Amino acid sequence: MAFFRLWQLNLVTSGAYCAASGRRSGWLILWAVLAAPAGAHVISMSTADLEVSGAKAVYRLRMPLYELQHMPGPEKAIFDHIRILSQGKAGRLVAKDCREDAKEGAFLCKAEYEWDNPVEELEIVCTFYAVTVPNHVHLVRAVKGEKSDQAVFDFSQPKAQIRFRPPTPFETWMTAFGSGIARAFSSAAAVLFLACLALAARNWIELGWITLAFFLGETISAIVVPLMPWNPSPRFVEAALALTIAYLAVEILSLPTAGYRWAVCGVLGLFHGLSYAIYLTATGYEALPVLAGVALSNLAAVAFFSYLRDRIARGFVELAPLGGKVAASLLLLTGLVWFYQRLRG
């Protein structure tokens, strides 16, 4: 499943840029449109508490029900994709119980593990991204007496140590920085919108202002929203991100010579920052290192897409204007289809 969804994500970006080059390959464009909504699930997260006592541990999982829509046999799939080890030995799963809580909209599990010797440190291997979506994030908070630790798992970091000691400032900073890089490339929506920015810029100077304004919008939203009483739901954020893609596509198609496009991208960045606000709230990471990783990723991706766009345009000079319109139309259709799917839940 993970391979299939990553393949869908690649179709989104490759289809858009084939269109931008003027290569009107109908099958690529069609596959891109069909693939984008399926890979558009940009906020995917579950949490767990792990309580260690002697040679035993109790693991309590909370996963939103919408993560289980495409998961056959969720109870088995979940425990097939998480391993908890002490001194290199996997814990014996002596008891487990899972149930759906419709009121909370969550799938709740409680599992008990045992080892032969008292637990000093733990190693956890979690590959939930293989049975949910590739950008799934799983947060584990572990407690042992008065000591605590936590770890975050995703496709870029499926393994982590629980040492029950406070991490050093450098370890914390680098972990958060790496997670910011990973989150920026974790969904089709994020990559697709960065491609939109490259398509919206009419020259390299404007590209710089657009990218800067977009990142400032993301940063403001990611920092300010967690300080507010408002807690945006993932469903709302995903619908909003779909509309940002559609709106920027309309801007490209209907207002090709409009000024202040950087201001538009700054406002759209506010909506994209909501996903990072949710991530920062859930993980407890400091905003600075995470957003530094996001900024580096945004800059690298936009520069790459812009370079690729210019190289392709030089190779297909006559078809480039038409290709740009086709690409923008594709982005508009993708955003609207994705928005419709988010509204349907």
Protein backbone atom coordinates (compact mmCIF):
# COMPACT_ATOMS: atom_id res chain seq x y z
CA MET A 1 0.00 0.00 0.00
CA ALA A 2 2.78 2.42 0.88
CA PHE A 3 4.48 1.81 -2.48
CA PHE A 4 1.22 2.39 -4.34
CA ARG A 5 0.56 5.68 -2.53
CA LEU A 6 4.10 6.91 -3.12
CA TRP A 7 3.60 6.08 -6.79
CA GLN A 8 0.46 8.19 -6.73
CA LEU A 9 2.40 11.10 -5.20
CA ASN A 10 5.01 10.91 -7.98
CA LEU A 11 2.27 10.95 -10.61
CA VAL A 12 0.98 14.28 -9.27
CA THR A 13 4.21 16.18 -9.83
CA SER A 14 5.31 14.40 -12.98
CA GLY A 15 1.91 14.85 -14.62
CA ALA A 16 1.84 18.59 -13.88
CA TYR A 17 5.29 19.16 -15.31
CA CYS A 18 4.71 17.06 -18.38
CA ALA A 19 1.72 19.32 -19.01
CA ALA A 20 3.81 22.43 -18.40
CA SER A 21 6.36 21.26 -20.96
CA GLY A 22 3.70 20.96 -23.62
CA ARG A 23 3.84 17.18 -23.75
CA ARG A 24 0.14 16.59 -23.91
CA SER A 25 0.35 12.97 -22.83
CA GLY A 26 -3.24 12.24 -22.01
CA TRP A 27 -2.53 9.21 -19.90
CA LEU A 28 -0.09 11.03 -17.63
CA ILE A 29 -2.47 13.93 -17.06
CA LEU A 30 -5.39 11.61 -16.39
CA TRP A 31 -3.40 9.50 -13.95
CA ALA A 32 -2.20 12.63 -12.17
CA VAL A 33 -5.76 13.89 -11.69
CA LEU A 34 -6.88 10.52 -10.38
CA ALA A 35 -3.85 10.07 -8.15
CA ALA A 36 -3.75 13.48 -6.48
CA PRO A 37 -6.91 13.23 -4.36
CA ALA A 38 -5.88 9.76 -3.16
CA GLY A 39 -2.51 11.07 -2.03
CA ALA A 40 -3.85 14.35 -0.71
CA HIS A 41 -4.23 13.22 2.89
CA VAL A 42 -1.71 15.70 4.31
CA ILE A 43 -2.36 15.41 8.05
CA SER A 44 -2.05 11.88 9.39
CA MET A 45 -1.16 11.34 13.02
CA SER A 46 -1.65 8.92 15.90
CA THR A 47 -0.48 9.02 19.52
CA ALA A 48 0.32 6.52 22.23
CA ASP A 49 1.27 6.42 25.92
CA LEU A 50 3.75 3.76 27.07
CA GLU A 51 4.00 3.09 30.81
CA VAL A 52 6.93 0.94 31.95
CA SER A 53 7.03 -0.81 35.32
CA GLY A 54 9.74 -3.35 36.05
CA ALA A 55 9.75 -5.94 33.27
CA LYS A 56 6.31 -4.93 31.97
CA ALA A 57 4.94 -2.15 29.79
CA VAL A 58 1.44 -0.99 28.93
CA TYR A 59 0.95 0.59 25.50
CA ARG A 60 -2.17 2.70 24.90
CA LEU A 61 -2.81 3.78 21.30
CA ARG A 62 -5.19 6.39 19.93
CA MET A 63 -5.63 6.52 16.15
CA PRO A 64 -8.31 8.55 14.32
CA LEU A 65 -10.91 6.35 12.69
CA TYR A 66 -10.39 7.93 9.28
CA GLU A 67 -6.91 6.37 9.24
CA LEU A 68 -8.52 2.92 9.18
CA GLN A 69 -10.69 3.39 6.09
CA HIS A 70 -8.32 1.45 3.81
CA MET A 71 -6.76 -0.79 6.48
CA PRO A 72 -7.88 -4.44 6.38
CA GLY A 73 -8.00 -5.96 9.86
CA PRO A 74 -6.81 -2.85 11.71
CA GLU A 75 -6.05 -4.57 15.02
CA LYS A 76 -3.73 -7.11 13.40
CA ALA A 77 -2.22 -4.58 10.99
CA ILE A 78 -1.37 -2.15 13.78
CA PHE A 79 0.43 -4.68 15.97
CA ASP A 80 2.18 -6.21 12.97
CA HIS A 81 3.78 -2.80 12.36
CA ILE A 82 5.09 -1.91 15.79
CA ARG A 83 7.80 -3.69 17.79
CA ILE A 84 8.97 -2.77 21.27
CA LEU A 85 12.36 -4.15 22.27
CA SER A 86 14.40 -4.17 25.47
CA GLN A 87 18.06 -5.25 25.34
CA GLY A 88 17.52 -6.33 21.75
CA LYS A 89 14.61 -8.65 22.58
CA ALA A 90 11.05 -7.98 21.48
CA GLY A 91 8.51 -7.83 24.25
CA ARG A 92 5.97 -10.62 24.52
CA LEU A 93 2.50 -9.35 23.71
CA VAL A 94 0.57 -10.97 26.55
CA ALA A 95 -2.71 -9.08 26.17
CA LYS A 96 -4.36 -6.62 23.82
CA ASP A 97 -7.76 -5.06 23.41
CA CYS A 98 -8.97 -2.71 20.65
CA ARG A 99 -12.27 -0.93 20.14
CA GLU A 100 -13.81 1.86 18.13
CA ASP A 101 -14.97 4.94 20.01
CA ALA A 102 -17.43 6.65 17.67
CA LYS A 103 -17.92 9.55 20.08
CA GLU A 104 -14.21 10.44 20.01
CA GLY A 105 -13.81 9.33 16.40
CA ALA A 106 -10.87 7.17 17.42
CA PHE A 107 -9.64 3.60 17.36
CA LEU A 108 -8.34 2.79 20.85
CA CYS A 109 -6.00 -0.07 21.75
CA LYS A 110 -4.41 -1.23 24.98
CA ALA A 111 -1.60 -3.79 24.91
CA GLU A 112 0.59 -5.32 27.60
CA TYR A 113 4.18 -6.43 26.98
CA GLU A 114 6.55 -8.48 29.12
CA TRP A 115 10.31 -9.20 29.14
CA ASP A 116 12.48 -11.55 31.16
CA ASN A 117 14.43 -8.71 32.81
CA PRO A 118 13.52 -5.23 34.07
CA VAL A 119 13.44 -2.58 31.37
CA GLU A 120 16.21 0.02 31.39
CA GLU A 121 15.90 1.36 27.83
CA LEU A 122 13.60 0.60 24.92
CA GLU A 123 13.93 0.51 21.16
CA ILE A 124 10.73 0.98 19.18
CA VAL A 125 10.29 0.17 15.49
CA CYS A 126 7.09 1.64 14.07
CA THR A 127 6.04 1.42 10.41
CA PHE A 128 2.44 2.61 10.63
CA TYR A 129 3.09 4.64 7.46
CA ALA A 130 3.06 1.33 5.56
CA VAL A 131 -0.59 0.64 6.43
CA THR A 132 -2.04 4.16 6.69
CA VAL A 133 -0.48 6.80 4.41
CA PRO A 134 3.22 7.44 3.66
CA ASN A 135 3.26 10.69 5.65
CA HIS A 136 1.74 9.22 8.82
CA VAL A 137 3.28 10.40 12.11
CA HIS A 138 3.12 8.35 15.31
CA LEU A 139 4.03 9.98 18.62
CA VAL A 140 4.90 7.82 21.63
CA ARG A 141 5.19 9.31 25.13
CA ALA A 142 6.91 6.91 27.51
CA VAL A 143 6.96 7.01 31.31
CA LYS A 144 9.04 4.98 33.77
CA GLY A 145 8.51 6.06 37.34
CA GLU A 146 9.43 9.74 37.47
CA LYS A 147 11.40 9.58 34.22
CA SER A 148 9.87 10.23 30.82
CA ASP A 149 10.86 10.37 27.16
CA GLN A 150 9.14 10.56 23.82
CA ALA A 151 9.78 9.64 20.20
CA VAL A 152 8.25 10.54 16.86
CA PHE A 153 8.02 7.98 14.05
CA ASP A 154 7.40 8.50 10.34
CA PHE A 155 8.70 7.25 6.99
CA SER A 156 12.02 9.04 7.52
CA GLN A 157 12.49 7.74 11.08
CA PRO A 158 10.85 4.35 11.71
CA LYS A 159 13.16 3.49 14.63
CA ALA A 160 13.95 5.35 17.86
CA GLN A 161 15.50 4.81 21.29
CA ILE A 162 13.62 5.50 24.51
CA ARG A 163 16.35 6.13 27.10
CA PHE A 164 14.23 7.73 29.81
CA ARG A 165 16.59 10.68 30.06
CA PRO A 166 16.19 14.21 28.78
CA PRO A 167 17.79 14.54 25.31
CA THR A 168 20.59 17.05 24.88
CA PRO A 169 19.67 20.40 23.32
CA PHE A 170 21.62 19.44 20.19
CA GLU A 171 19.78 16.11 19.87
CA THR A 172 16.45 17.86 20.29
CA TRP A 173 17.30 20.57 17.75
CA MET A 174 18.57 18.15 15.09
CA THR A 175 15.61 15.80 15.51
CA ALA A 176 13.14 18.65 15.12
CA PHE A 177 15.09 20.12 12.18
CA GLY A 178 15.09 16.77 10.39
CA SER A 179 11.38 16.35 11.04
CA GLY A 180 10.74 19.75 9.43
CA ILE A 181 12.56 18.65 6.27
CA ALA A 182 10.58 15.42 6.19
CA ARG A 183 7.22 17.12 6.80
CA ALA A 184 7.75 19.55 3.92
CA PHE A 185 8.00 16.63 1.50
CA SER A 186 5.57 14.33 3.28
CA SER A 187 2.47 14.86 1.16
CA ALA A 188 1.39 15.31 -2.41
CA ALA A 189 -0.30 18.58 -1.44
CA ALA A 190 2.91 20.12 -0.12
CA VAL A 191 4.94 19.13 -3.18
CA LEU A 192 2.16 20.11 -5.57
CA PHE A 193 1.78 23.59 -4.10
CA LEU A 194 5.53 24.21 -4.30
CA ALA A 195 5.26 23.31 -7.97
CA CYS A 196 2.40 25.83 -8.18
CA LEU A 197 4.69 28.54 -6.81
CA ALA A 198 7.26 27.83 -9.49
CA LEU A 199 4.56 27.98 -12.15
CA ALA A 200 3.12 31.24 -10.76
CA ALA A 201 6.44 33.14 -10.86
CA ARG A 202 7.11 35.01 -14.10
CA ASN A 203 10.80 35.59 -13.41
CA TRP A 204 13.44 34.67 -10.83
CA ILE A 205 13.05 37.91 -8.86
CA GLU A 206 9.33 37.41 -8.49
CA LEU A 207 9.99 33.79 -7.54
CA GLY A 208 12.14 34.98 -4.65
CA TRP A 209 9.45 37.33 -3.33
CA ILE A 210 6.74 34.68 -3.77
CA THR A 211 8.74 32.03 -1.92
CA LEU A 212 9.66 34.42 0.90
CA ALA A 213 6.07 35.62 1.34
CA PHE A 214 4.74 32.06 1.30
CA PHE A 215 7.20 30.92 3.95
CA LEU A 216 6.48 33.96 6.14
CA GLY A 217 2.78 33.13 5.95
CA GLU A 218 3.50 29.52 6.95
CA THR A 219 5.68 30.68 9.84
CA ILE A 220 3.17 33.17 11.23
CA SER A 221 0.38 30.63 11.16
CA ALA A 222 2.51 27.81 12.65
CA ILE A 223 3.65 29.99 15.55
CA VAL A 224 0.48 31.97 16.31
CA VAL A 225 -2.26 29.33 15.95
CA PRO A 226 -0.98 27.06 18.79
CA LEU A 227 -1.19 30.10 21.09
CA MET A 228 -4.86 30.63 20.28
CA PRO A 229 -7.87 28.80 21.74
CA TRP A 230 -8.88 27.80 18.20
CA ASN A 231 -7.83 24.24 17.35
CA PRO A 232 -8.30 23.65 13.59
CA SER A 233 -9.41 20.16 12.66
CA PRO A 234 -7.40 18.14 10.12
CA ARG A 235 -10.46 17.96 7.88
CA PHE A 236 -10.77 21.76 7.79
CA VAL A 237 -7.06 22.21 7.10
CA GLU A 238 -7.04 19.68 4.28
CA ALA A 239 -10.05 21.34 2.65
CA ALA A 240 -8.35 24.74 2.97
CA LEU A 241 -5.14 23.46 1.37
CA ALA A 242 -7.14 22.08 -1.54
CA LEU A 243 -8.64 25.52 -2.10
CA THR A 244 -5.20 27.18 -2.03
CA ILE A 245 -4.11 25.05 -4.98
CA ALA A 246 -7.32 25.80 -6.86
CA TYR A 247 -7.13 29.55 -6.11
CA LEU A 248 -3.52 29.90 -7.25
CA ALA A 249 -4.38 28.02 -10.44
CA VAL A 250 -7.24 30.47 -11.09
CA GLU A 251 -4.84 33.36 -10.50
CA ILE A 252 -2.42 31.94 -13.07
CA LEU A 253 -5.16 31.31 -15.64
CA SER A 254 -7.35 34.41 -15.30
CA LEU A 255 -4.85 37.06 -14.14
CA PRO A 256 -1.60 36.28 -15.95
CA THR A 257 -0.30 39.86 -15.58
CA ALA A 258 -1.64 40.64 -12.10
CA GLY A 259 0.66 42.34 -9.65
CA TYR A 260 1.26 41.62 -5.96
CA ARG A 261 1.20 37.88 -6.54
CA TRP A 262 3.64 37.63 -3.65
CA ALA A 263 0.92 38.97 -1.33
CA VAL A 264 -1.51 36.32 -2.55
CA CYS A 265 1.06 33.60 -1.88
CA GLY A 266 1.69 35.04 1.58
CA VAL A 267 -1.99 34.73 2.46
CA LEU A 268 -2.11 31.18 1.08
CA GLY A 269 0.93 30.39 3.20
CA LEU A 270 -1.16 31.14 6.29
CA PHE A 271 -3.36 28.17 5.44
CA HIS A 272 -0.41 25.86 4.78
CA GLY A 273 1.05 26.85 8.13
CA LEU A 274 -1.98 25.35 9.88
CA SER A 275 -0.71 21.83 9.15
CA TYR A 276 2.61 22.68 10.83
CA ALA A 277 0.73 24.24 13.76
CA ILE A 278 -1.08 20.94 14.31
CA TYR A 279 2.22 19.06 14.00
CA LEU A 280 4.02 21.32 16.49
CA THR A 281 1.16 21.06 18.97
CA ALA A 282 1.05 17.26 18.78
CA THR A 283 4.81 16.62 18.95
CA GLY A 284 5.81 19.39 21.34
CA TYR A 285 8.79 20.32 19.16
CA GLU A 286 10.17 23.86 19.23
CA ALA A 287 8.98 25.87 16.25
CA LEU A 288 12.39 27.27 15.22
CA PRO A 289 14.19 24.05 14.20
CA VAL A 290 11.08 22.55 12.57
CA LEU A 291 10.40 25.68 10.52
CA ALA A 292 14.10 25.97 9.65
CA GLY A 293 13.86 22.50 8.12
CA VAL A 294 10.67 23.48 6.31
CA ALA A 295 12.31 26.65 4.95
CA LEU A 296 15.30 24.71 3.60
CA SER A 297 13.01 22.18 1.95
CA ASN A 298 10.75 24.85 0.45
CA LEU A 299 13.70 26.75 -0.98
CA ALA A 300 15.31 23.65 -2.48
CA ALA A 301 12.05 22.36 -3.98
CA VAL A 302 10.96 25.68 -5.52
CA ALA A 303 14.43 26.24 -6.99
CA PHE A 304 14.42 22.74 -8.47
CA PHE A 305 10.94 23.07 -9.95
CA SER A 306 11.77 26.48 -11.40
CA TYR A 307 15.00 25.21 -12.96
CA LEU A 308 13.14 22.24 -14.40
CA ARG A 309 10.39 24.50 -15.76
CA ASP A 310 12.91 26.77 -17.51
CA ARG A 311 14.84 23.87 -19.01
CA ILE A 312 11.66 22.29 -20.35
CA ALA A 313 10.36 25.62 -21.67
CA ARG A 314 13.59 26.19 -23.61
CA GLY A 315 13.22 22.76 -25.18
CA PHE A 316 9.59 23.33 -26.18
CA VAL A 317 9.46 27.06 -26.92
CA GLU A 318 6.37 26.97 -29.14
CA LEU A 319 4.33 24.78 -26.83
CA ALA A 320 5.40 26.35 -23.53
CA PRO A 321 2.54 28.94 -23.28
CA LEU A 322 -0.08 26.28 -23.95
CA GLY A 323 1.66 23.88 -21.59
CA GLY A 324 1.51 26.43 -18.78
CA LYS A 325 -2.26 26.81 -19.23
CA VAL A 326 -2.74 23.05 -19.32
CA ALA A 327 -0.70 22.68 -16.12
CA ALA A 328 -2.68 25.41 -14.36
CA SER A 329 -5.97 23.83 -15.47
CA LEU A 330 -4.79 20.50 -14.14
CA LEU A 331 -3.92 22.08 -10.79
CA LEU A 332 -7.34 23.75 -10.63
CA LEU A 333 -9.12 20.47 -11.31
CA THR A 334 -6.97 18.63 -8.78
CA GLY A 335 -7.67 21.22 -6.07
CA LEU A 336 -11.41 21.16 -6.66
CA VAL A 337 -11.64 17.36 -6.72
CA TRP A 338 -9.58 17.13 -3.56
CA PHE A 339 -11.72 19.82 -1.85
CA TYR A 340 -14.87 17.89 -2.76
CA GLN A 341 -13.43 14.69 -1.29
CA ARG A 342 -12.45 16.44 1.95
CA LEU A 343 -16.00 17.83 2.29
CA ARG A 344 -17.38 14.34 1.89
CA GLY A 345 -15.14 13.30 4.77
